[in-house]
Amino acid sequence: LRQQAIALDDAKKFEDSVKVWEKLAVQGKDTFEEAIFSVAYSNYFHGTQLFDQSRAAKIQSEKDKIAALGTQAWNRAIDAFKKHLDFVEKAPTKEPKMVKRAVGAIQFSCRILTR
């Protein structure tokens, strides 16, 4: 499943990759830390795609509908980034990849919150 999620991210099919990462984001499993970060990451980029689509839409009601979906994706991203950071904070040891993803969680969250 992990490879499938990565392939979907690489193909910029973020809405689909979120669904796969969510299957891996089970507390207590080895995949949890990476997967919960990736749920947030994929939601962030899915929201970004939606906002790009809303800017390209010609009808205002369509722009508003797509932008609302983008906001929902970003809210899910923020929630997952918070879960990730909470997990990292409580982890007894912090591997370099875990710390790198925690820094990424903060950076992506700042991008959302400042738009």
PDB file of N, CA and C in Angstrom:
ATOM      1  N   LEU A   1       0.818  -1.199   0.000  1.00  0.00           N
ATOM      2  CA  LEU A   1       0.000   0.000   0.000  1.00  0.00           C
ATOM      3  C   LEU A   1       0.863   1.266   0.000  1.00  0.00           C
ATOM      4  N   ARG A   2       1.967   1.224   0.732  1.00  0.00           N
ATOM      5  CA  ARG A   2       2.844   2.396   0.808  1.00  0.00           C
ATOM      6  C   ARG A   2       3.329   2.796  -0.582  1.00  0.00           C
ATOM      7  N   GLN A   3       3.770   1.837  -1.349  1.00  0.00           N
ATOM      8  CA  GLN A   3       4.265   2.124  -2.705  1.00  0.00           C
ATOM      9  C   GLN A   3       3.143   2.675  -3.586  1.00  0.00           C
ATOM     10  N   GLN A   4       1.944   2.156  -3.409  1.00  0.00           N
ATOM     11  CA  GLN A   4       0.791   2.654  -4.165  1.00  0.00           C
ATOM     12  C   GLN A   4       0.524   4.116  -3.815  1.00  0.00           C
ATOM     13  N   ALA A   5       0.573   4.450  -2.541  1.00  0.00           N
ATOM     14  CA  ALA A   5       0.343   5.836  -2.114  1.00  0.00           C
ATOM     15  C   ALA A   5       1.415   6.767  -2.669  1.00  0.00           C
ATOM     16  N   ILE A   6       2.654   6.318  -2.626  1.00  0.00           N
ATOM     17  CA  ILE A   6       3.760   7.128  -3.157  1.00  0.00           C
ATOM     18  C   ILE A   6       3.574   7.335  -4.658  1.00  0.00           C
ATOM     19  N   ALA A   7       3.189   6.280  -5.367  1.00  0.00           N
ATOM     20  CA  ALA A   7       2.970   6.401  -6.814  1.00  0.00           C
ATOM     21  C   ALA A   7       1.836   7.384  -7.111  1.00  0.00           C
ATOM     22  N   LEU A   8       0.781   7.355  -6.317  1.00  0.00           N
ATOM     23  CA  LEU A   8      -0.319   8.304  -6.517  1.00  0.00           C
ATOM     24  C   LEU A   8       0.132   9.737  -6.242  1.00  0.00           C
ATOM     25  N   ASP A   9       0.927   9.931  -5.195  1.00  0.00           N
ATOM     26  CA  ASP A   9       1.486  11.265  -4.928  1.00  0.00           C
ATOM     27  C   ASP A   9       2.342  11.727  -6.101  1.00  0.00           C
ATOM     28  N   ASP A  10       3.199  10.833  -6.591  1.00  0.00           N
ATOM     29  CA  ASP A  10       4.073  11.179  -7.727  1.00  0.00           C
ATOM     30  C   ASP A  10       3.263  11.550  -8.964  1.00  0.00           C
ATOM     31  N   ALA A  11       2.103  10.897  -9.134  1.00  0.00           N
ATOM     32  CA  ALA A  11       1.229  11.180 -10.276  1.00  0.00           C
ATOM     33  C   ALA A  11       0.315  12.384 -10.014  1.00  0.00           C
ATOM     34  N   LYS A  12       0.496  13.011  -8.849  1.00  0.00           N
ATOM     35  CA  LYS A  12      -0.304  14.184  -8.450  1.00  0.00           C
ATOM     36  C   LYS A  12      -1.794  13.860  -8.327  1.00  0.00           C
ATOM     37  N   LYS A  13      -2.066  12.603  -7.956  1.00  0.00           N
ATOM     38  CA  LYS A  13      -3.441  12.169  -7.697  1.00  0.00           C
ATOM     39  C   LYS A  13      -3.640  12.173  -6.182  1.00  0.00           C
ATOM     40  N   PHE A  14      -3.604  13.380  -5.623  1.00  0.00           N
ATOM     41  CA  PHE A  14      -3.563  13.534  -4.176  1.00  0.00           C
ATOM     42  C   PHE A  14      -4.836  13.085  -3.479  1.00  0.00           C
ATOM     43  N   GLU A  15      -5.983  13.294  -4.087  1.00  0.00           N
ATOM     44  CA  GLU A  15      -7.231  12.864  -3.467  1.00  0.00           C
ATOM     45  C   GLU A  15      -7.225  11.344  -3.283  1.00  0.00           C
ATOM     46  N   ASP A  16      -6.721  10.632  -4.276  1.00  0.00           N
ATOM     47  CA  ASP A  16      -6.641   9.172  -4.184  1.00  0.00           C
ATOM     48  C   ASP A  16      -5.563   8.731  -3.205  1.00  0.00           C
ATOM     49  N   SER A  17      -4.441   9.437  -3.188  1.00  0.00           N
ATOM     50  CA  SER A  17      -3.357   9.038  -2.289  1.00  0.00           C
ATOM     51  C   SER A  17      -3.760   9.209  -0.825  1.00  0.00           C
ATOM     52  N   VAL A  18      -4.564  10.230  -0.525  1.00  0.00           N
ATOM     53  CA  VAL A  18      -5.042  10.417   0.853  1.00  0.00           C
ATOM     54  C   VAL A  18      -5.739   9.149   1.337  1.00  0.00           C
ATOM     55  N   LYS A  19      -6.579   8.583   0.504  1.00  0.00           N
ATOM     56  CA  LYS A  19      -7.341   7.389   0.888  1.00  0.00           C
ATOM     57  C   LYS A  19      -6.415   6.212   1.215  1.00  0.00           C
ATOM     58  N   VAL A  20      -5.350   6.081   0.450  1.00  0.00           N
ATOM     59  CA  VAL A  20      -4.410   4.982   0.695  1.00  0.00           C
ATOM     60  C   VAL A  20      -3.590   5.255   1.956  1.00  0.00           C
ATOM     61  N   TRP A  21      -3.090   6.483   2.094  1.00  0.00           N
ATOM     62  CA  TRP A  21      -2.322   6.821   3.306  1.00  0.00           C
ATOM     63  C   TRP A  21      -3.169   6.644   4.558  1.00  0.00           C
ATOM     64  N   GLU A  22      -4.456   6.962   4.479  1.00  0.00           N
ATOM     65  CA  GLU A  22      -5.333   6.807   5.650  1.00  0.00           C
ATOM     66  C   GLU A  22      -5.416   5.347   6.097  1.00  0.00           C
ATOM     67  N   LYS A  23      -5.330   4.417   5.161  1.00  0.00           N
ATOM     68  CA  LYS A  23      -5.341   2.997   5.515  1.00  0.00           C
ATOM     69  C   LYS A  23      -4.080   2.615   6.283  1.00  0.00           C
ATOM     70  N   LEU A  24      -2.981   3.322   6.009  1.00  0.00           N
ATOM     71  CA  LEU A  24      -1.709   3.040   6.670  1.00  0.00           C
ATOM     72  C   LEU A  24      -1.548   3.803   7.986  1.00  0.00           C
ATOM     73  N   ALA A  25      -2.352   4.832   8.187  1.00  0.00           N
ATOM     74  CA  ALA A  25      -2.228   5.702   9.363  1.00  0.00           C
ATOM     75  C   ALA A  25      -3.006   5.125  10.542  1.00  0.00           C
ATOM     76  N   VAL A  26      -2.558   3.980  11.009  1.00  0.00           N
ATOM     77  CA  VAL A  26      -3.208   3.303  12.129  1.00  0.00           C
ATOM     78  C   VAL A  26      -2.258   3.383  13.327  1.00  0.00           C
ATOM     79  N   GLN A  27      -2.756   4.020  14.404  1.00  0.00           N
ATOM     80  CA  GLN A  27      -1.943   4.171  15.614  1.00  0.00           C
ATOM     81  C   GLN A  27      -1.414   2.817  16.067  1.00  0.00           C
ATOM     82  N   GLY A  28      -0.137   2.765  16.383  1.00  0.00           N
ATOM     83  CA  GLY A  28       0.480   1.528  16.839  1.00  0.00           C
ATOM     84  C   GLY A  28       1.190   0.753  15.745  1.00  0.00           C
ATOM     85  N   LYS A  29       0.907   1.069  14.487  1.00  0.00           N
ATOM     86  CA  LYS A  29       1.596   0.394  13.385  1.00  0.00           C
ATOM     87  C   LYS A  29       2.887   1.144  13.050  1.00  0.00           C
ATOM     88  N   ASP A  30       3.842   0.420  12.478  1.00  0.00           N
ATOM     89  CA  ASP A  30       5.117   1.024  12.090  1.00  0.00           C
ATOM     90  C   ASP A  30       4.940   2.161  11.088  1.00  0.00           C
ATOM     91  N   THR A  31       3.876   2.101  10.317  1.00  0.00           N
ATOM     92  CA  THR A  31       3.655   3.080   9.250  1.00  0.00           C
ATOM     93  C   THR A  31       2.982   4.362   9.732  1.00  0.00           C
ATOM     94  N   PHE A  32       2.568   4.417  11.003  1.00  0.00           N
ATOM     95  CA  PHE A  32       1.726   5.530  11.459  1.00  0.00           C
ATOM     96  C   PHE A  32       2.366   6.898  11.241  1.00  0.00           C
ATOM     97  N   GLU A  33       3.573   7.084  11.713  1.00  0.00           N
ATOM     98  CA  GLU A  33       4.191   8.418  11.667  1.00  0.00           C
ATOM     99  C   GLU A  33       4.308   8.942  10.242  1.00  0.00           C
ATOM    100  N   GLU A  34       4.858   8.136   9.363  1.00  0.00           N
ATOM    101  CA  GLU A  34       4.983   8.555   7.963  1.00  0.00           C
ATOM    102  C   GLU A  34       3.611   8.750   7.330  1.00  0.00           C
ATOM    103  N   ALA A  35       2.694   7.842   7.625  1.00  0.00           N
ATOM    104  CA  ALA A  35       1.377   7.886   6.989  1.00  0.00           C
ATOM    105  C   ALA A  35       0.563   9.090   7.432  1.00  0.00           C
ATOM    106  N   ILE A  36       0.583   9.445   8.711  1.00  0.00           N
ATOM    107  CA  ILE A  36      -0.220  10.578   9.152  1.00  0.00           C
ATOM    108  C   ILE A  36       0.348  11.878   8.577  1.00  0.00           C
ATOM    109  N   PHE A  37       1.675  11.958   8.463  1.00  0.00           N
ATOM    110  CA  PHE A  37       2.262  13.113   7.784  1.00  0.00           C
ATOM    111  C   PHE A  37       1.818  13.138   6.327  1.00  0.00           C
ATOM    112  N   SER A  38       1.835  11.996   5.686  1.00  0.00           N
ATOM    113  CA  SER A  38       1.498  11.925   4.262  1.00  0.00           C
ATOM    114  C   SER A  38       0.023  12.193   4.003  1.00  0.00           C
ATOM    115  N   VAL A  39      -0.849  11.828   4.933  1.00  0.00           N
ATOM    116  CA  VAL A  39      -2.268  12.202   4.821  1.00  0.00           C
ATOM    117  C   VAL A  39      -2.370  13.724   4.752  1.00  0.00           C
ATOM    118  N   ALA A  40      -1.654  14.383   5.647  1.00  0.00           N
ATOM    119  CA  ALA A  40      -1.677  15.851   5.679  1.00  0.00           C
ATOM    120  C   ALA A  40      -1.067  16.439   4.416  1.00  0.00           C
ATOM    121  N   TYR A  41       0.088  15.916   4.021  1.00  0.00           N
ATOM    122  CA  TYR A  41       0.797  16.393   2.831  1.00  0.00           C
ATOM    123  C   TYR A  41      -0.083  16.280   1.587  1.00  0.00           C
ATOM    124  N   SER A  42      -0.706  15.131   1.418  1.00  0.00           N
ATOM    125  CA  SER A  42      -1.542  14.919   0.234  1.00  0.00           C
ATOM    126  C   SER A  42      -2.794  15.797   0.276  1.00  0.00           C
ATOM    127  N   ASN A  43      -3.371  15.980   1.459  1.00  0.00           N
ATOM    128  CA  ASN A  43      -4.505  16.894   1.582  1.00  0.00           C
ATOM    129  C   ASN A  43      -4.094  18.327   1.260  1.00  0.00           C
ATOM    130  N   TYR A  44      -2.899  18.722   1.691  1.00  0.00           N
ATOM    131  CA  TYR A  44      -2.405  20.062   1.383  1.00  0.00           C
ATOM    132  C   TYR A  44      -2.353  20.265  -0.142  1.00  0.00           C
ATOM    133  N   PHE A  45      -1.736  19.331  -0.831  1.00  0.00           N
ATOM    134  CA  PHE A  45      -1.595  19.489  -2.277  1.00  0.00           C
ATOM    135  C   PHE A  45      -2.922  19.312  -3.011  1.00  0.00           C
ATOM    136  N   HIS A  46      -3.808  18.482  -2.481  1.00  0.00           N
ATOM    137  CA  HIS A  46      -5.139  18.366  -3.091  1.00  0.00           C
ATOM    138  C   HIS A  46      -5.867  19.699  -2.963  1.00  0.00           C
ATOM    139  N   GLY A  47      -5.799  20.316  -1.792  1.00  0.00           N
ATOM    140  CA  GLY A  47      -6.406  21.635  -1.610  1.00  0.00           C
ATOM    141  C   GLY A  47      -5.823  22.662  -2.556  1.00  0.00           C
ATOM    142  N   THR A  48      -4.522  22.632  -2.726  1.00  0.00           N
ATOM    143  CA  THR A  48      -3.854  23.562  -3.648  1.00  0.00           C
ATOM    144  C   THR A  48      -4.361  23.357  -5.073  1.00  0.00           C
ATOM    145  N   GLN A  49      -4.490  22.089  -5.482  1.00  0.00           N
ATOM    146  CA  GLN A  49      -5.041  21.804  -6.811  1.00  0.00           C
ATOM    147  C   GLN A  49      -6.446  22.378  -6.951  1.00  0.00           C
ATOM    148  N   LEU A  50      -7.253  22.201  -5.928  1.00  0.00           N
ATOM    149  CA  LEU A  50      -8.629  22.712  -5.984  1.00  0.00           C
ATOM    150  C   LEU A  50      -8.657  24.235  -6.080  1.00  0.00           C
ATOM    151  N   PHE A  51      -7.809  24.914  -5.339  1.00  0.00           N
ATOM    152  CA  PHE A  51      -7.775  26.374  -5.436  1.00  0.00           C
ATOM    153  C   PHE A  51      -7.315  26.823  -6.823  1.00  0.00           C
ATOM    154  N   ASP A  52      -6.386  26.095  -7.416  1.00  0.00           N
ATOM    155  CA  ASP A  52      -5.974  26.402  -8.793  1.00  0.00           C
ATOM    156  C   ASP A  52      -7.151  26.228  -9.750  1.00  0.00           C
ATOM    157  N   GLN A  53      -7.930  25.158  -9.554  1.00  0.00           N
ATOM    158  CA  GLN A  53      -9.109  24.924 -10.395  1.00  0.00           C
ATOM    159  C   GLN A  53     -10.159  26.013 -10.186  1.00  0.00           C
ATOM    160  N   SER A  54     -10.306  26.464  -8.956  1.00  0.00           N
ATOM    161  CA  SER A  54     -11.329  27.486  -8.693  1.00  0.00           C
ATOM    162  C   SER A  54     -10.966  28.797  -9.379  1.00  0.00           C
ATOM    163  N   ARG A  55      -9.689  29.113  -9.432  1.00  0.00           N
ATOM    164  CA  ARG A  55      -9.264  30.342 -10.130  1.00  0.00           C
ATOM    165  C   ARG A  55      -9.518  30.244 -11.636  1.00  0.00           C
ATOM    166  N   ALA A  56      -9.466  29.025 -12.167  1.00  0.00           N
ATOM    167  CA  ALA A  56      -9.668  28.830 -13.605  1.00  0.00           C
ATOM    168  C   ALA A  56     -11.155  28.737 -13.979  1.00  0.00           C
ATOM    169  N   ALA A  57     -12.015  28.506 -13.007  1.00  0.00           N
ATOM    170  CA  ALA A  57     -13.446  28.370 -13.297  1.00  0.00           C
ATOM    171  C   ALA A  57     -14.011  29.698 -13.791  1.00  0.00           C
ATOM    172  N   LYS A  58     -14.957  29.627 -14.688  1.00  0.00           N
ATOM    173  CA  LYS A  58     -15.517  30.825 -15.313  1.00  0.00           C
ATOM    174  C   LYS A  58     -16.751  31.362 -14.586  1.00  0.00           C
ATOM    175  N   ILE A  59     -17.480  30.498 -13.911  1.00  0.00           N
ATOM    176  CA  ILE A  59     -18.721  30.892 -13.237  1.00  0.00           C
ATOM    177  C   ILE A  59     -18.446  31.034 -11.743  1.00  0.00           C
ATOM    178  N   GLN A  60     -18.870  32.151 -11.162  1.00  0.00           N
ATOM    179  CA  GLN A  60     -18.571  32.440  -9.758  1.00  0.00           C
ATOM    180  C   GLN A  60     -19.066  31.355  -8.810  1.00  0.00           C
ATOM    181  N   SER A  61     -20.256  30.833  -9.056  1.00  0.00           N
ATOM    182  CA  SER A  61     -20.784  29.794  -8.159  1.00  0.00           C
ATOM    183  C   SER A  61     -19.895  28.546  -8.201  1.00  0.00           C
ATOM    184  N   GLU A  62     -19.358  28.248  -9.371  1.00  0.00           N
ATOM    185  CA  GLU A  62     -18.446  27.107  -9.512  1.00  0.00           C
ATOM    186  C   GLU A  62     -17.127  27.401  -8.788  1.00  0.00           C
ATOM    187  N   LYS A  63     -16.610  28.619  -8.934  1.00  0.00           N
ATOM    188  CA  LYS A  63     -15.393  29.016  -8.220  1.00  0.00           C
ATOM    189  C   LYS A  63     -15.575  28.834  -6.724  1.00  0.00           C
ATOM    190  N   ASP A  64     -16.719  29.302  -6.210  1.00  0.00           N
ATOM    191  CA  ASP A  64     -16.992  29.222  -4.778  1.00  0.00           C
ATOM    192  C   ASP A  64     -17.082  27.775  -4.301  1.00  0.00           C
ATOM    193  N   LYS A  65     -17.735  26.934  -5.090  1.00  0.00           N
ATOM    194  CA  LYS A  65     -17.899  25.519  -4.731  1.00  0.00           C
ATOM    195  C   LYS A  65     -16.541  24.822  -4.671  1.00  0.00           C
ATOM    196  N   ILE A  66     -15.709  25.053  -5.676  1.00  0.00           N
ATOM    197  CA  ILE A  66     -14.398  24.409  -5.721  1.00  0.00           C
ATOM    198  C   ILE A  66     -13.502  24.949  -4.603  1.00  0.00           C
ATOM    199  N   ALA A  67     -13.548  26.255  -4.369  1.00  0.00           N
ATOM    200  CA  ALA A  67     -12.749  26.851  -3.291  1.00  0.00           C
ATOM    201  C   ALA A  67     -13.162  26.291  -1.927  1.00  0.00           C
ATOM    202  N   ALA A  68     -14.444  26.041  -1.735  1.00  0.00           N
ATOM    203  CA  ALA A  68     -14.911  25.456  -0.472  1.00  0.00           C
ATOM    204  C   ALA A  68     -14.332  24.048  -0.281  1.00  0.00           C
ATOM    205  N   LEU A  69     -14.253  23.289  -1.365  1.00  0.00           N
ATOM    206  CA  LEU A  69     -13.633  21.964  -1.295  1.00  0.00           C
ATOM    207  C   LEU A  69     -12.147  22.082  -0.972  1.00  0.00           C
ATOM    208  N   GLY A  70     -11.499  23.090  -1.538  1.00  0.00           N
ATOM    209  CA  GLY A  70     -10.086  23.336  -1.237  1.00  0.00           C
ATOM    210  C   GLY A  70      -9.886  23.666   0.234  1.00  0.00           C
ATOM    211  N   THR A  71     -10.767  24.475   0.780  1.00  0.00           N
ATOM    212  CA  THR A  71     -10.694  24.822   2.203  1.00  0.00           C
ATOM    213  C   THR A  71     -10.876  23.581   3.069  1.00  0.00           C
ATOM    214  N   GLN A  72     -11.802  22.718   2.687  1.00  0.00           N
ATOM    215  CA  GLN A  72     -12.017  21.482   3.442  1.00  0.00           C
ATOM    216  C   GLN A  72     -10.761  20.606   3.423  1.00  0.00           C
ATOM    217  N   ALA A  73     -10.126  20.497   2.261  1.00  0.00           N
ATOM    218  CA  ALA A  73      -8.908  19.690   2.158  1.00  0.00           C
ATOM    219  C   ALA A  73      -7.801  20.282   3.033  1.00  0.00           C
ATOM    220  N   TRP A  74      -7.676  21.608   3.011  1.00  0.00           N
ATOM    221  CA  TRP A  74      -6.655  22.244   3.844  1.00  0.00           C
ATOM    222  C   TRP A  74      -6.963  22.076   5.327  1.00  0.00           C
ATOM    223  N   ASN A  75      -8.226  22.123   5.718  1.00  0.00           N
ATOM    224  CA  ASN A  75      -8.573  21.896   7.121  1.00  0.00           C
ATOM    225  C   ASN A  75      -8.216  20.474   7.552  1.00  0.00           C
ATOM    226  N   ARG A  76      -8.453  19.511   6.661  1.00  0.00           N
ATOM    227  CA  ARG A  76      -8.051  18.125   6.961  1.00  0.00           C
ATOM    228  C   ARG A  76      -6.534  18.030   7.067  1.00  0.00           C
ATOM    229  N   ALA A  77      -5.828  18.783   6.223  1.00  0.00           N
ATOM    230  CA  ALA A  77      -4.365  18.788   6.286  1.00  0.00           C
ATOM    231  C   ALA A  77      -3.889  19.328   7.628  1.00  0.00           C
ATOM    232  N   ILE A  78      -4.445  20.461   8.048  1.00  0.00           N
ATOM    233  CA  ILE A  78      -4.054  21.049   9.335  1.00  0.00           C
ATOM    234  C   ILE A  78      -4.298  20.059  10.472  1.00  0.00           C
ATOM    235  N   ASP A  79      -5.455  19.405  10.471  1.00  0.00           N
ATOM    236  CA  ASP A  79      -5.765  18.431  11.518  1.00  0.00           C
ATOM    237  C   ASP A  79      -4.740  17.289  11.538  1.00  0.00           C
ATOM    238  N   ALA A  80      -4.390  16.787  10.366  1.00  0.00           N
ATOM    239  CA  ALA A  80      -3.424  15.685  10.294  1.00  0.00           C
ATOM    240  C   ALA A  80      -2.019  16.164  10.668  1.00  0.00           C
ATOM    241  N   PHE A  81      -1.636  17.377  10.273  1.00  0.00           N
ATOM    242  CA  PHE A  81      -0.332  17.914  10.682  1.00  0.00           C
ATOM    243  C   PHE A  81      -0.269  18.027  12.208  1.00  0.00           C
ATOM    244  N   LYS A  82      -1.360  18.461  12.847  1.00  0.00           N
ATOM    245  CA  LYS A  82      -1.399  18.549  14.306  1.00  0.00           C
ATOM    246  C   LYS A  82      -1.222  17.167  14.935  1.00  0.00           C
ATOM    247  N   LYS A  83      -1.900  16.156  14.393  1.00  0.00           N
ATOM    248  CA  LYS A  83      -1.758  14.790  14.905  1.00  0.00           C
ATOM    249  C   LYS A  83      -0.318  14.319  14.760  1.00  0.00           C
ATOM    250  N   HIS A  84       0.279  14.648  13.607  1.00  0.00           N
ATOM    251  CA  HIS A  84       1.662  14.242  13.377  1.00  0.00           C
ATOM    252  C   HIS A  84       2.587  14.897  14.393  1.00  0.00           C
ATOM    253  N   LEU A  85       2.444  16.199  14.571  1.00  0.00           N
ATOM    254  CA  LEU A  85       3.316  16.913  15.508  1.00  0.00           C
ATOM    255  C   LEU A  85       3.114  16.416  16.940  1.00  0.00           C
ATOM    256  N   ASP A  86       1.890  16.104  17.314  1.00  0.00           N
ATOM    257  CA  ASP A  86       1.612  15.570  18.641  1.00  0.00           C
ATOM    258  C   ASP A  86       2.308  14.221  18.824  1.00  0.00           C
ATOM    259  N   PHE A  87       2.239  13.384  17.794  1.00  0.00           N
ATOM    260  CA  PHE A  87       2.896  12.082  17.848  1.00  0.00           C
ATOM    261  C   PHE A  87       4.404  12.249  17.997  1.00  0.00           C
ATOM    262  N   VAL A  88       5.000  13.129  17.197  1.00  0.00           N
ATOM    263  CA  VAL A  88       6.450  13.338  17.244  1.00  0.00           C
ATOM    264  C   VAL A  88       6.863  13.884  18.610  1.00  0.00           C
ATOM    265  N   GLU A  89       6.091  14.817  19.133  1.00  0.00           N
ATOM    266  CA  GLU A  89       6.418  15.398  20.441  1.00  0.00           C
ATOM    267  C   GLU A  89       6.452  14.328  21.533  1.00  0.00           C
ATOM    268  N   LYS A  90       5.546  13.373  21.468  1.00  0.00           N
ATOM    269  CA  LYS A  90       5.447  12.336  22.499  1.00  0.00           C
ATOM    270  C   LYS A  90       6.360  11.140  22.246  1.00  0.00           C
ATOM    271  N   ALA A  91       6.968  11.072  21.070  1.00  0.00           N
ATOM    272  CA  ALA A  91       7.814   9.925  20.740  1.00  0.00           C
ATOM    273  C   ALA A  91       9.042   9.893  21.657  1.00  0.00           C
ATOM    274  N   PRO A  92       9.374   8.717  22.189  1.00  0.00           N
ATOM    275  CA  PRO A  92      10.524   8.629  23.100  1.00  0.00           C
ATOM    276  C   PRO A  92      11.857   8.905  22.400  1.00  0.00           C
ATOM    277  N   THR A  93      11.943   8.527  21.129  1.00  0.00           N
ATOM    278  CA  THR A  93      13.132   8.847  20.327  1.00  0.00           C
ATOM    279  C   THR A  93      12.652   9.463  19.019  1.00  0.00           C
ATOM    280  N   LYS A  94      13.468  10.320  18.487  1.00  0.00           N
ATOM    281  CA  LYS A  94      13.091  11.023  17.263  1.00  0.00           C
ATOM    282  C   LYS A  94      14.156  10.780  16.192  1.00  0.00           C
ATOM    283  N   GLU A  95      13.774   9.944  15.226  1.00  0.00           N
ATOM    284  CA  GLU A  95      14.672   9.646  14.118  1.00  0.00           C
ATOM    285  C   GLU A  95      14.769  10.864  13.201  1.00  0.00           C
ATOM    286  N   PRO A  96      15.866  11.009  12.461  1.00  0.00           N
ATOM    287  CA  PRO A  96      16.017  12.179  11.582  1.00  0.00           C
ATOM    288  C   PRO A  96      14.871  12.376  10.595  1.00  0.00           C
ATOM    289  N   LYS A  97      14.361  11.288   9.997  1.00  0.00           N
ATOM    290  CA  LYS A  97      13.244  11.430   9.050  1.00  0.00           C
ATOM    291  C   LYS A  97      11.991  11.954   9.748  1.00  0.00           C
ATOM    292  N   MET A  98      11.786  11.530  10.984  1.00  0.00           N
ATOM    293  CA  MET A  98      10.637  11.980  11.750  1.00  0.00           C
ATOM    294  C   MET A  98      10.738  13.491  12.009  1.00  0.00           C
ATOM    295  N   VAL A  99      11.916  13.929  12.381  1.00  0.00           N
ATOM    296  CA  VAL A  99      12.141  15.361  12.644  1.00  0.00           C
ATOM    297  C   VAL A  99      11.975  16.158  11.357  1.00  0.00           C
ATOM    298  N   LYS A 100      12.487  15.640  10.258  1.00  0.00           N
ATOM    299  CA  LYS A 100      12.349  16.320   8.959  1.00  0.00           C
ATOM    300  C   LYS A 100      10.874  16.478   8.594  1.00  0.00           C
ATOM    301  N   ARG A 101      10.091  15.423   8.799  1.00  0.00           N
ATOM    302  CA  ARG A 101       8.660  15.519   8.495  1.00  0.00           C
ATOM    303  C   ARG A 101       7.958  16.483   9.447  1.00  0.00           C
ATOM    304  N   ALA A 102       8.391  16.547  10.705  1.00  0.00           N
ATOM    305  CA  ALA A 102       7.794  17.492  11.659  1.00  0.00           C
ATOM    306  C   ALA A 102       8.053  18.928  11.215  1.00  0.00           C
ATOM    307  N   VAL A 103       9.256  19.204  10.749  1.00  0.00           N
ATOM    308  CA  VAL A 103       9.570  20.540  10.229  1.00  0.00           C
ATOM    309  C   VAL A 103       8.700  20.829   9.010  1.00  0.00           C
ATOM    310  N   GLY A 104       8.526  19.844   8.147  1.00  0.00           N
ATOM    311  CA  GLY A 104       7.652  19.994   6.984  1.00  0.00           C
ATOM    312  C   GLY A 104       6.218  20.263   7.395  1.00  0.00           C
ATOM    313  N   ALA A 105       5.755  19.589   8.439  1.00  0.00           N
ATOM    314  CA  ALA A 105       4.388  19.800   8.925  1.00  0.00           C
ATOM    315  C   ALA A 105       4.199  21.251   9.355  1.00  0.00           C
ATOM    316  N   ILE A 106       5.189  21.799  10.019  1.00  0.00           N
ATOM    317  CA  ILE A 106       5.111  23.200  10.457  1.00  0.00           C
ATOM    318  C   ILE A 106       5.120  24.129   9.253  1.00  0.00           C
ATOM    319  N   GLN A 107       6.004  23.858   8.299  1.00  0.00           N
ATOM    320  CA  GLN A 107       6.095  24.721   7.106  1.00  0.00           C
ATOM    321  C   GLN A 107       4.797  24.709   6.299  1.00  0.00           C
ATOM    322  N   PHE A 108       4.252  23.530   6.036  1.00  0.00           N
ATOM    323  CA  PHE A 108       3.017  23.447   5.253  1.00  0.00           C
ATOM    324  C   PHE A 108       1.854  24.081   5.999  1.00  0.00           C
ATOM    325  N   SER A 109       1.805  23.899   7.316  1.00  0.00           N
ATOM    326  CA  SER A 109       0.756  24.518   8.105  1.00  0.00           C
ATOM    327  C   SER A 109       0.831  26.047   8.014  1.00  0.00           C
ATOM    328  N   CYS A 110       2.037  26.569   8.065  1.00  0.00           N
ATOM    329  CA  CYS A 110       2.215  28.025   7.935  1.00  0.00           C
ATOM    330  C   CYS A 110       1.749  28.519   6.569  1.00  0.00           C
ATOM    331  N   ARG A 111       2.016  27.745   5.546  1.00  0.00           N
ATOM    332  CA  ARG A 111       1.554  28.133   4.197  1.00  0.00           C
ATOM    333  C   ARG A 111       0.032  28.223   4.152  1.00  0.00           C
ATOM    334  N   ILE A 112      -0.628  27.263   4.777  1.00  0.00           N
ATOM    335  CA  ILE A 112      -2.095  27.276   4.792  1.00  0.00           C
ATOM    336  C   ILE A 112      -2.605  28.458   5.600  1.00  0.00           C
ATOM    337  N   LEU A 113      -2.048  28.654   6.761  1.00  0.00           N
ATOM    338  CA  LEU A 113      -2.560  29.670   7.687  1.00  0.00           C
ATOM    339  C   LEU A 113      -2.281  31.095   7.218  1.00  0.00           C
ATOM    340  N   THR A 114      -1.328  31.258   6.308  1.00  0.00           N
ATOM    341  CA  THR A 114      -1.014  32.617   5.841  1.00  0.00           C
ATOM    342  C   THR A 114      -1.642  32.929   4.485  1.00  0.00           C
ATOM    343  N   ARG A 115      -2.463  32.069   3.962  1.00  0.00           N
ATOM    344  CA  ARG A 115      -3.125  32.341   2.678  1.00  0.00           C
ATOM    345  C   ARG A 115      -4.465  32.957   2.896  1.00  0.00           C
TER     346      ARG A 115
END
